[in-house]
Amino acid sequence: MPTHLTRRSLLRGITAATAVATLATGLAACGGDSDAATTAGAKSGEVVVGRVSNGAGTQTAIKVSEVKSISAELPAAVRKSGRLVIGEGALPAGFPPLAYVGSDQKTLTGSEPDLARLIAAVFGLTPEIKNATWENMFVGIDSGKVDVALSNITITEERKKKYEFASYRQDNLAFIVPKKSTWNFDGDYENLAGKTIAVGSGTNQEKILLEWQAKLAKEGKKLTVKYFQDSTSTFLALNSGKIDASFGPNPGFAYHNKQTANTPNATRTAGTYSGAGAGLQGLIAATAKRDSGLAKPLADAINHLIRNGQYAEWLKAYNLSDEAVAKSEVNPPGLPLDNA
């Protein structure tokens, strides 16, 4: 997906007719991922995360085995199938470090499919990953072709009408600046006064930034907002000093920080902010069809990974430790209906 767009903005405007009409070319386009490439070299009772990740993740072998008390909670049809069918919305281009085609040009890699593989291991099931466009991923859940989607999906009250959730990561936005910059956001919009900030048009972060701009204007202070066609143009502006910072999804910026760490154009994160805005921490969740009976076993599997340290290893491998949650919750509060 274009790096300046959020999943929330992509979901808006998608009609059921469009999604159904393109289901065949979405889910069927990539078919199932047998995980042969991802599990190559892995020993029994372990999952290798960060493999073929082209530098977005650190390859890490994580020990994890079936927990029968958790797998017993699964709906009978899923348990008997011997597989967990996982939806990803990474077509056409992917979005590192979350989900994208790896350096072997065939394996879907990234933090999201790797967490799905860890969860499948706790269930004692074989992961089968189906890559689709963002909208077709949801059609896959609706049609029963997909058991659960892990694709940076924000919990919203609107989505709860059709889906059930097990949270696993904070939904955070971030400010990215040149590494040499001394500016920090510090959670206070007042620190944006006098700054020039880039943001993606039509995104949730744009909405938040424009609200801050309006508040500062009432105080007689100026915040200049700039727009660029793509992330490459944004980072060129950042490197040249045309903007002070860019405001966007934290995982993508964490990836950029890692990729540029040893270059003259190194960057750093200068502060984060909840994707749900003030007063509510946004959350990313494993997403299943409402009343499917999957949310609780998914949450229990994630909490098992949290308690036993595999969750922390997974986050660290993708430089996302700052988005950790203390526990997975079933259907926690999501983005309100008036902001979803």
Foldseek 3Di string as FASTA:
>chain_A
DFQQADLVLVVPPDDPVNLVVCLCCFQVVLDWDQCPVQCVPADPQWGWAPPLQVQLFATDIGGHAEDVVLLVLADPVCLVVQEAEEEEQQPPAGAPQQWGQGNVRRDIHHLQVSVVCRLCRNNNGRYIYGYGHSSSSVVCQVVVVHFKYRYQDWDEPVCLVWKKWWFWWWFKKFKKAFPPDPQAPVVDLVSQFPFEEEHEPSHLQVVVNVVSQVVQVVVVTHHHYDYDDGVVVVLVCRQVVVGGIYMGTDLNSLSQQSVCVPDPRHMDTRDMAASLHPPDTITGTIIHTPPNSVRVSSQVSSQVCLVVVVSCVSCVRSSNNVTGDNGIDMSDHGRYPVSD
